[in-house]
Amino acid sequence: MHDQLIHWLTSYGYIVLFVLVSLESLGIPLPGETALVTASAFAAQGHLSIVGVIATATAAAILGDNGGYWIGRKGGLAFVRRYGRVLRIDERTIQRVHAYFDAHGAKTVFIGRFIALLRTWAAFFAGVAAMRYSTFMMYNAIGGVVWASLFGTLGYVFGRNLPALEHNLGIVSVVLVIAVLLFAVVLVRRSRQPSENGTHQ
């Protein structure tokens, strides 16, 4: 598959990157992240533009997730209710999904961009759970920008050692998610400090 991916990227460049990332985000298990890293490595070798690679992956991720969301929103619940028995999904499970996305939907959409299985299905289940579209879109866009920028930069910087980077993508994803979450926690705490100080005064 890796050799085929390289062939596609060599022949069609940004088009293949856009198709793979958008379809993966739509809910089809394809190597979108690997395509991004490989395309970024090609950019490091002068075959593509790293700005073009990151922009293409960002647009594809956001648009693909939007498609997955609306599929889930318009027809996902009926699909799950009809075929859920095969996967042992009943009404109680559906209600739990709704409750989960009510409480944790925003961070799930964001973090899901960095984890393979969630990257494929988070948007669909956000739609099934009828997550507010404005909230979904905001965190979907932030996740797409951060994901494409981080992994695009990694592929560009470590382009000469691409096999080693691809081998460790899972670990890299976890580390990046933890780093981003810690950074977000720090920002939230700092934003609350002035109001808390004002309250004590």
C-alpha atoms as a PDB file:
ATOM      1  CA  MET A   1       0.000   0.000   0.000  1.00  0.00           C
ATOM      2  CA  HIS A   2       2.855   2.378   0.819  1.00  0.00           C
ATOM      3  CA  ASP A   3       4.454   1.928  -2.598  1.00  0.00           C
ATOM      4  CA  GLN A   4       1.082   2.499  -4.269  1.00  0.00           C
ATOM      5  CA  LEU A   5       0.566   5.647  -2.193  1.00  0.00           C
ATOM      6  CA  ILE A   6       3.940   6.997  -3.273  1.00  0.00           C
ATOM      7  CA  HIS A   7       3.069   6.256  -6.898  1.00  0.00           C
ATOM      8  CA  TRP A   8      -0.259   8.096  -6.591  1.00  0.00           C
ATOM      9  CA  LEU A   9       1.321  11.092  -4.930  1.00  0.00           C
ATOM     10  CA  THR A  10       4.092  11.214  -7.494  1.00  0.00           C
ATOM     11  CA  SER A  11       1.574  11.124 -10.330  1.00  0.00           C
ATOM     12  CA  TYR A  12      -1.298  13.222  -8.968  1.00  0.00           C
ATOM     13  CA  GLY A  13       0.092  15.150  -5.996  1.00  0.00           C
ATOM     14  CA  TYR A  14      -2.424  17.363  -4.218  1.00  0.00           C
ATOM     15  CA  ILE A  15      -5.450  15.646  -5.777  1.00  0.00           C
ATOM     16  CA  VAL A  16      -4.608  12.290  -4.205  1.00  0.00           C
ATOM     17  CA  LEU A  17      -3.850  13.952  -0.878  1.00  0.00           C
ATOM     18  CA  PHE A  18      -7.201  15.742  -0.906  1.00  0.00           C
ATOM     19  CA  VAL A  19      -9.144  12.608  -1.872  1.00  0.00           C
ATOM     20  CA  LEU A  20      -7.519  10.363   0.756  1.00  0.00           C
ATOM     21  CA  VAL A  21      -7.799  12.847   3.629  1.00  0.00           C
ATOM     22  CA  SER A  22     -11.369  13.889   2.799  1.00  0.00           C
ATOM     23  CA  LEU A  23     -12.624  10.311   2.352  1.00  0.00           C
ATOM     24  CA  GLU A  24     -10.963   9.196   5.579  1.00  0.00           C
ATOM     25  CA  SER A  25     -12.642  12.118   7.360  1.00  0.00           C
ATOM     26  CA  LEU A  26     -15.938  11.212   5.708  1.00  0.00           C
ATOM     27  CA  GLY A  27     -15.839   7.780   7.336  1.00  0.00           C
ATOM     28  CA  ILE A  28     -13.929   5.555   4.916  1.00  0.00           C
ATOM     29  CA  PRO A  29     -10.830   3.960   6.521  1.00  0.00           C
ATOM     30  CA  LEU A  30      -8.074   5.210   4.200  1.00  0.00           C
ATOM     31  CA  PRO A  31      -4.479   6.288   5.023  1.00  0.00           C
ATOM     32  CA  GLY A  32      -5.134  10.033   5.084  1.00  0.00           C
ATOM     33  CA  GLU A  33      -2.561  10.799   7.769  1.00  0.00           C
ATOM     34  CA  THR A  34       0.100   8.714   6.045  1.00  0.00           C
ATOM     35  CA  ALA A  35      -0.681  10.531   2.803  1.00  0.00           C
ATOM     36  CA  LEU A  36      -0.190  13.883   4.556  1.00  0.00           C
ATOM     37  CA  VAL A  37       3.166  12.871   6.041  1.00  0.00           C
ATOM     38  CA  THR A  38       4.361  11.368   2.749  1.00  0.00           C
ATOM     39  CA  ALA A  39       3.268  14.421   0.747  1.00  0.00           C
ATOM     40  CA  SER A  40       5.091  16.640   3.246  1.00  0.00           C
ATOM     41  CA  ALA A  41       8.229  14.549   2.786  1.00  0.00           C
ATOM     42  CA  PHE A  42       7.879  15.052  -0.970  1.00  0.00           C
ATOM     43  CA  ALA A  43       7.684  18.790  -0.294  1.00  0.00           C
ATOM     44  CA  ALA A  44      10.947  18.576   1.640  1.00  0.00           C
ATOM     45  CA  GLN A  45      12.493  17.032  -1.479  1.00  0.00           C
ATOM     46  CA  GLY A  46      11.182  19.860  -3.648  1.00  0.00           C
ATOM     47  CA  HIS A  47       8.407  17.952  -5.441  1.00  0.00           C
ATOM     48  CA  LEU A  48       5.493  19.764  -3.772  1.00  0.00           C
ATOM     49  CA  SER A  49       4.942  22.950  -1.788  1.00  0.00           C
ATOM     50  CA  ILE A  50       4.653  22.419   1.975  1.00  0.00           C
ATOM     51  CA  VAL A  51       2.195  25.329   2.156  1.00  0.00           C
ATOM     52  CA  GLY A  52       0.108  23.679  -0.546  1.00  0.00           C
ATOM     53  CA  VAL A  53       0.268  20.320   1.219  1.00  0.00           C
ATOM     54  CA  ILE A  54      -0.861  21.723   4.573  1.00  0.00           C
ATOM     55  CA  ALA A  55      -3.591  23.853   2.971  1.00  0.00           C
ATOM     56  CA  THR A  56      -4.883  20.889   0.946  1.00  0.00           C
ATOM     57  CA  ALA A  57      -4.931  18.564   3.956  1.00  0.00           C
ATOM     58  CA  THR A  58      -6.641  21.191   6.109  1.00  0.00           C
ATOM     59  CA  ALA A  59      -9.390  21.840   3.564  1.00  0.00           C
ATOM     60  CA  ALA A  60      -9.886  18.107   2.954  1.00  0.00           C
ATOM     61  CA  ALA A  61     -10.084  17.338   6.677  1.00  0.00           C
ATOM     62  CA  ILE A  62     -12.626  20.075   7.371  1.00  0.00           C
ATOM     63  CA  LEU A  63     -14.795  19.309   4.340  1.00  0.00           C
ATOM     64  CA  GLY A  64     -14.634  15.546   4.876  1.00  0.00           C
ATOM     65  CA  ASP A  65     -15.621  15.874   8.526  1.00  0.00           C
ATOM     66  CA  ASN A  66     -18.496  18.140   7.540  1.00  0.00           C
ATOM     67  CA  GLY A  67     -19.706  15.487   5.137  1.00  0.00           C
ATOM     68  CA  GLY A  68     -19.453  12.832   7.841  1.00  0.00           C
ATOM     69  CA  TYR A  69     -21.323  15.058  10.279  1.00  0.00           C
ATOM     70  CA  TRP A  70     -24.225  15.698   7.923  1.00  0.00           C
ATOM     71  CA  ILE A  71     -24.457  12.047   6.914  1.00  0.00           C
ATOM     72  CA  GLY A  72     -24.740  11.191  10.598  1.00  0.00           C
ATOM     73  CA  ARG A  73     -27.144  14.054  11.261  1.00  0.00           C
ATOM     74  CA  LYS A  74     -29.528  13.297   8.386  1.00  0.00           C
ATOM     75  CA  GLY A  75     -29.467   9.523   8.131  1.00  0.00           C
ATOM     76  CA  GLY A  76     -27.118   8.116  10.747  1.00  0.00           C
ATOM     77  CA  LEU A  77     -29.648   7.608  13.506  1.00  0.00           C
ATOM     78  CA  ALA A  78     -32.022   5.682  11.250  1.00  0.00           C
ATOM     79  CA  PHE A  79     -29.093   3.592   9.993  1.00  0.00           C
ATOM     80  CA  VAL A  80     -27.905   2.803  13.519  1.00  0.00           C
ATOM     81  CA  ARG A  81     -31.403   1.884  14.648  1.00  0.00           C
ATOM     82  CA  ARG A  82     -31.897  -0.385  11.660  1.00  0.00           C
ATOM     83  CA  TYR A  83     -28.540  -2.185  11.688  1.00  0.00           C
ATOM     84  CA  GLY A  84     -27.384  -1.524  15.240  1.00  0.00           C
ATOM     85  CA  ARG A  85     -28.351  -5.001  16.404  1.00  0.00           C
ATOM     86  CA  VAL A  86     -25.484  -6.432  14.386  1.00  0.00           C
ATOM     87  CA  LEU A  87     -23.085  -4.294  16.428  1.00  0.00           C
ATOM     88  CA  ARG A  88     -25.142  -4.719  19.623  1.00  0.00           C
ATOM     89  CA  ILE A  89     -26.210  -1.079  19.616  1.00  0.00           C
ATOM     90  CA  ASP A  90     -29.601  -0.527  21.246  1.00  0.00           C
ATOM     91  CA  GLU A  91     -31.590   2.558  22.278  1.00  0.00           C
ATOM     92  CA  ARG A  92     -29.777   2.739  25.598  1.00  0.00           C
ATOM     93  CA  THR A  93     -26.431   2.904  23.779  1.00  0.00           C
ATOM     94  CA  ILE A  94     -27.770   5.598  21.462  1.00  0.00           C
ATOM     95  CA  GLN A  95     -28.861   7.659  24.465  1.00  0.00           C
ATOM     96  CA  ARG A  96     -25.404   7.251  25.979  1.00  0.00           C
ATOM     97  CA  VAL A  97     -23.836   8.530  22.765  1.00  0.00           C
ATOM     98  CA  HIS A  98     -26.109  11.587  22.907  1.00  0.00           C
ATOM     99  CA  ALA A  99     -25.217  12.218  26.542  1.00  0.00           C
ATOM    100  CA  TYR A 100     -21.521  11.755  25.855  1.00  0.00           C
ATOM    101  CA  PHE A 101     -21.476  14.254  22.998  1.00  0.00           C
ATOM    102  CA  ASP A 102     -23.511  16.720  25.046  1.00  0.00           C
ATOM    103  CA  ALA A 103     -20.790  16.636  27.694  1.00  0.00           C
ATOM    104  CA  HIS A 104     -17.610  15.918  25.729  1.00  0.00           C
ATOM    105  CA  GLY A 105     -18.431  16.480  22.054  1.00  0.00           C
ATOM    106  CA  ALA A 106     -16.129  19.448  21.463  1.00  0.00           C
ATOM    107  CA  LYS A 107     -12.954  17.836  22.765  1.00  0.00           C
ATOM    108  CA  THR A 108     -13.867  14.514  21.123  1.00  0.00           C
ATOM    109  CA  VAL A 109     -14.109  16.189  17.712  1.00  0.00           C
ATOM    110  CA  PHE A 110     -10.793  17.958  18.289  1.00  0.00           C
ATOM    111  CA  ILE A 111      -8.840  15.037  19.773  1.00  0.00           C
ATOM    112  CA  GLY A 112     -10.427  12.615  17.302  1.00  0.00           C
ATOM    113  CA  ARG A 113      -8.499  14.302  14.495  1.00  0.00           C
ATOM    114  CA  PHE A 114      -5.278  12.826  15.987  1.00  0.00           C
ATOM    115  CA  ILE A 115      -6.480   9.249  16.623  1.00  0.00           C
ATOM    116  CA  ALA A 116      -7.019   6.872  13.714  1.00  0.00           C
ATOM    117  CA  LEU A 117     -10.378   5.303  14.616  1.00  0.00           C
ATOM    118  CA  LEU A 118     -11.872   8.538  15.945  1.00  0.00           C
ATOM    119  CA  ARG A 119     -10.590  10.460  12.938  1.00  0.00           C
ATOM    120  CA  THR A 120     -12.785   8.258  10.767  1.00  0.00           C
ATOM    121  CA  TRP A 121     -15.941   8.132  12.917  1.00  0.00           C
ATOM    122  CA  ALA A 122     -16.033  11.113  15.319  1.00  0.00           C
ATOM    123  CA  ALA A 123     -17.764  13.442  12.852  1.00  0.00           C
ATOM    124  CA  PHE A 124     -20.374  10.816  11.947  1.00  0.00           C
ATOM    125  CA  PHE A 125     -21.284  10.145  15.575  1.00  0.00           C
ATOM    126  CA  ALA A 126     -21.307  13.873  16.323  1.00  0.00           C
ATOM    127  CA  GLY A 127     -23.988  14.107  13.653  1.00  0.00           C
ATOM    128  CA  VAL A 128     -25.875  11.103  14.989  1.00  0.00           C
ATOM    129  CA  ALA A 129     -25.842  12.730  18.428  1.00  0.00           C
ATOM    130  CA  ALA A 130     -27.163  15.987  16.891  1.00  0.00           C
ATOM    131  CA  MET A 131     -24.235  17.960  18.267  1.00  0.00           C
ATOM    132  CA  ARG A 132     -24.719  21.688  17.677  1.00  0.00           C
ATOM    133  CA  TYR A 133     -23.276  22.408  14.238  1.00  0.00           C
ATOM    134  CA  SER A 134     -21.600  25.700  15.177  1.00  0.00           C
ATOM    135  CA  THR A 135     -19.708  23.973  17.999  1.00  0.00           C
ATOM    136  CA  PHE A 136     -18.818  21.032  15.786  1.00  0.00           C
ATOM    137  CA  MET A 137     -17.607  23.290  12.999  1.00  0.00           C
ATOM    138  CA  MET A 138     -15.409  25.377  15.280  1.00  0.00           C
ATOM    139  CA  TYR A 139     -13.595  22.417  16.845  1.00  0.00           C
ATOM    140  CA  ASN A 140     -13.528  20.567  13.550  1.00  0.00           C
ATOM    141  CA  ALA A 141     -11.783  23.527  11.907  1.00  0.00           C
ATOM    142  CA  ILE A 142      -9.334  24.002  14.793  1.00  0.00           C
ATOM    143  CA  GLY A 143      -8.527  20.287  14.788  1.00  0.00           C
ATOM    144  CA  GLY A 144      -8.045  20.219  11.026  1.00  0.00           C
ATOM    145  CA  VAL A 145      -5.684  23.211  11.060  1.00  0.00           C
ATOM    146  CA  VAL A 146      -3.622  21.941  13.996  1.00  0.00           C
ATOM    147  CA  TRP A 147      -3.455  18.368  12.687  1.00  0.00           C
ATOM    148  CA  ALA A 148      -2.442  19.332   9.156  1.00  0.00           C
ATOM    149  CA  SER A 149       0.101  21.882  10.400  1.00  0.00           C
ATOM    150  CA  LEU A 150       1.723  19.557  12.943  1.00  0.00           C
ATOM    151  CA  PHE A 151       1.927  16.438  10.819  1.00  0.00           C
ATOM    152  CA  GLY A 152       2.769  18.430   7.715  1.00  0.00           C
ATOM    153  CA  THR A 153       5.660  20.032   9.567  1.00  0.00           C
ATOM    154  CA  LEU A 154       6.812  16.669  10.937  1.00  0.00           C
ATOM    155  CA  GLY A 155       6.775  15.117   7.473  1.00  0.00           C
ATOM    156  CA  TYR A 156       8.657  18.102   6.065  1.00  0.00           C
ATOM    157  CA  VAL A 157      11.321  18.216   8.799  1.00  0.00           C
ATOM    158  CA  PHE A 158      11.874  14.450   8.962  1.00  0.00           C
ATOM    159  CA  GLY A 159      11.307  13.810   5.258  1.00  0.00           C
ATOM    160  CA  ARG A 160      14.656  12.076   4.874  1.00  0.00           C
ATOM    161  CA  ASN A 161      13.738   9.536   7.535  1.00  0.00           C
ATOM    162  CA  LEU A 162      10.128   8.952   6.512  1.00  0.00           C
ATOM    163  CA  PRO A 163       9.900   5.189   7.326  1.00  0.00           C
ATOM    164  CA  ALA A 164      10.933   5.796  10.937  1.00  0.00           C
ATOM    165  CA  LEU A 165       8.445   8.640  11.307  1.00  0.00           C
ATOM    166  CA  GLU A 166       5.583   6.598   9.802  1.00  0.00           C
ATOM    167  CA  HIS A 167       6.424   3.706  12.133  1.00  0.00           C
ATOM    168  CA  ASN A 168       6.004   5.970  15.147  1.00  0.00           C
ATOM    169  CA  LEU A 169       2.977   8.001  14.008  1.00  0.00           C
ATOM    170  CA  GLY A 170       0.754   6.499  16.689  1.00  0.00           C
ATOM    171  CA  ILE A 171       3.117   7.520  19.467  1.00  0.00           C
ATOM    172  CA  VAL A 172       3.566  10.936  17.897  1.00  0.00           C
ATOM    173  CA  SER A 173      -0.222  11.402  17.784  1.00  0.00           C
ATOM    174  CA  VAL A 174      -0.614  10.615  21.482  1.00  0.00           C
ATOM    175  CA  VAL A 175       2.260  12.901  22.474  1.00  0.00           C
ATOM    176  CA  LEU A 176       0.879  15.762  20.374  1.00  0.00           C
ATOM    177  CA  VAL A 177      -2.622  15.370  21.790  1.00  0.00           C
ATOM    178  CA  ILE A 178      -1.261  15.451  25.346  1.00  0.00           C
ATOM    179  CA  ALA A 179       0.854  18.507  24.545  1.00  0.00           C
ATOM    180  CA  VAL A 180      -2.081  20.352  22.972  1.00  0.00           C
ATOM    181  CA  LEU A 181      -4.369  19.493  25.902  1.00  0.00           C
ATOM    182  CA  LEU A 182      -1.796  20.687  28.449  1.00  0.00           C
ATOM    183  CA  PHE A 183      -1.380  23.907  26.495  1.00  0.00           C
ATOM    184  CA  ALA A 184      -5.158  24.378  26.410  1.00  0.00           C
ATOM    185  CA  VAL A 185      -5.408  23.799  30.178  1.00  0.00           C
ATOM    186  CA  VAL A 186      -2.714  26.411  30.809  1.00  0.00           C
ATOM    187  CA  LEU A 187      -4.522  28.934  28.600  1.00  0.00           C
ATOM    188  CA  VAL A 188      -7.858  28.311  30.331  1.00  0.00           C
ATOM    189  CA  ARG A 189      -6.306  28.710  33.780  1.00  0.00           C
ATOM    190  CA  ARG A 190      -4.558  31.921  32.787  1.00  0.00           C
ATOM    191  CA  SER A 191      -7.759  33.327  31.317  1.00  0.00           C
ATOM    192  CA  ARG A 192      -9.568  32.643  34.603  1.00  0.00           C
ATOM    193  CA  GLN A 193      -6.922  34.189  36.857  1.00  0.00           C
ATOM    194  CA  PRO A 194      -7.855  37.867  36.311  1.00  0.00           C
ATOM    195  CA  SER A 195     -11.553  37.247  37.040  1.00  0.00           C
ATOM    196  CA  GLU A 196     -10.704  35.135  40.097  1.00  0.00           C
ATOM    197  CA  ASN A 197      -8.347  37.830  41.406  1.00  0.00           C
ATOM    198  CA  GLY A 198     -11.020  40.446  40.805  1.00  0.00           C
ATOM    199  CA  THR A 199     -13.523  38.346  42.740  1.00  0.00           C
ATOM    200  CA  HIS A 200     -11.248  38.055  45.771  1.00  0.00           C
ATOM    201  CA  GLN A 201     -10.721  41.803  45.788  1.00  0.00           C
END
